[in-house]
Protein backbone atom coordinates (compact mmCIF):
# COMPACT_ATOMS: atom_id res chain seq x y z
CA MET A 1 -31.62 -3.95 24.28
CA SER A 2 -30.36 -1.51 25.32
CA VAL A 3 -26.87 0.97 23.88
CA SER A 4 -24.56 2.40 26.62
CA PRO A 5 -23.62 5.37 26.12
CA LEU A 6 -19.43 6.17 25.10
CA SER A 7 -17.73 6.72 28.00
CA SER A 8 -14.79 9.77 27.89
CA GLN A 9 -12.58 7.22 27.92
CA ASP A 10 -14.23 5.93 24.66
CA ARG A 11 -14.78 8.55 23.04
CA SER A 12 -11.11 10.02 24.17
CA LEU A 13 -9.96 7.20 21.63
CA LEU A 14 -13.02 7.31 19.03
CA HIS A 15 -11.49 10.84 18.58
CA LYS A 16 -8.28 9.53 18.51
CA LEU A 17 -8.95 6.52 16.21
CA VAL A 18 -10.18 8.42 13.33
CA TRP A 19 -7.65 11.05 13.27
CA ALA A 20 -5.24 8.79 12.81
CA VAL A 21 -7.37 6.98 9.95
CA VAL A 22 -8.00 10.66 8.09
CA LEU A 23 -4.41 10.86 8.45
CA LYS A 24 -3.49 7.90 6.84
CA LEU A 25 -6.27 8.95 3.80
CA MET A 26 -4.23 12.21 3.84
CA VAL A 27 -1.20 10.43 3.33
CA LEU A 28 -1.34 8.11 1.85
CA THR A 29 -3.44 10.83 -1.04
CA LEU A 30 0.27 12.49 -1.21
CA LEU A 31 2.25 10.07 -1.75
CA TRP A 32 -0.43 8.74 -4.47
CA TRP A 33 -0.50 11.99 -5.81
CA LEU A 34 3.32 12.96 -5.90
CA PHE A 35 4.61 9.20 -7.01
CA ILE A 36 1.26 7.21 -9.00
CA ASP A 37 -0.94 10.28 -10.01
CA GLY A 38 0.22 10.94 -14.15
CA GLN A 39 3.02 8.25 -14.35
CA LYS A 40 1.89 5.89 -17.21
CA VAL A 41 3.35 2.77 -19.19
CA ALA A 42 3.36 2.01 -22.95
CA VAL A 43 2.61 -0.92 -24.41
CA ASP A 44 3.64 -2.52 -27.44
CA ASP A 45 -0.14 -4.98 -28.30
CA GLY A 46 2.52 -7.01 -30.47
CA GLY A 47 4.49 -8.37 -28.23
CA MET A 48 2.55 -8.45 -24.73
CA ALA A 49 -0.18 -10.33 -27.71
CA ALA A 50 3.21 -12.98 -28.82
CA GLN A 51 3.84 -13.16 -25.09
CA MET A 52 0.29 -13.73 -24.04
CA LEU A 53 0.18 -16.69 -26.79
CA HIS A 54 3.74 -18.05 -26.32
CA GLN A 55 2.46 -18.95 -22.51
CA ARG A 56 -0.86 -20.71 -24.21
CA ALA A 57 0.73 -22.40 -26.22
CA ALA A 58 3.50 -23.86 -23.87
CA PRO A 59 3.07 -26.78 -21.79
CA ALA A 60 2.93 -26.49 -18.31
CA GLN A 61 6.14 -28.24 -16.17
CA GLY A 62 6.10 -31.51 -15.69
CA ASP A 63 3.27 -31.76 -18.41
CA SER A 64 3.82 -34.51 -21.23
CA LEU A 65 3.09 -34.06 -24.46
CA SER A 66 3.53 -38.18 -24.97
CA LYS A 67 2.37 -40.67 -23.13
CA GLU A 68 4.47 -43.71 -22.72
């Protein structure tokens, strides 16, 4: 089983694809750095715990506590 070498057209396409991926990664990194990096979200521990406990204690829709 032999692998044929890339034609000049295939190499050109590969070159363009590599540059497109590199450019997209650079843009995504720039956007992350500008808008996401450094953002902090304050979480109220007590409020979050109460909300999670309330969701677990409540029956799911369609569930019935009494069996008639």
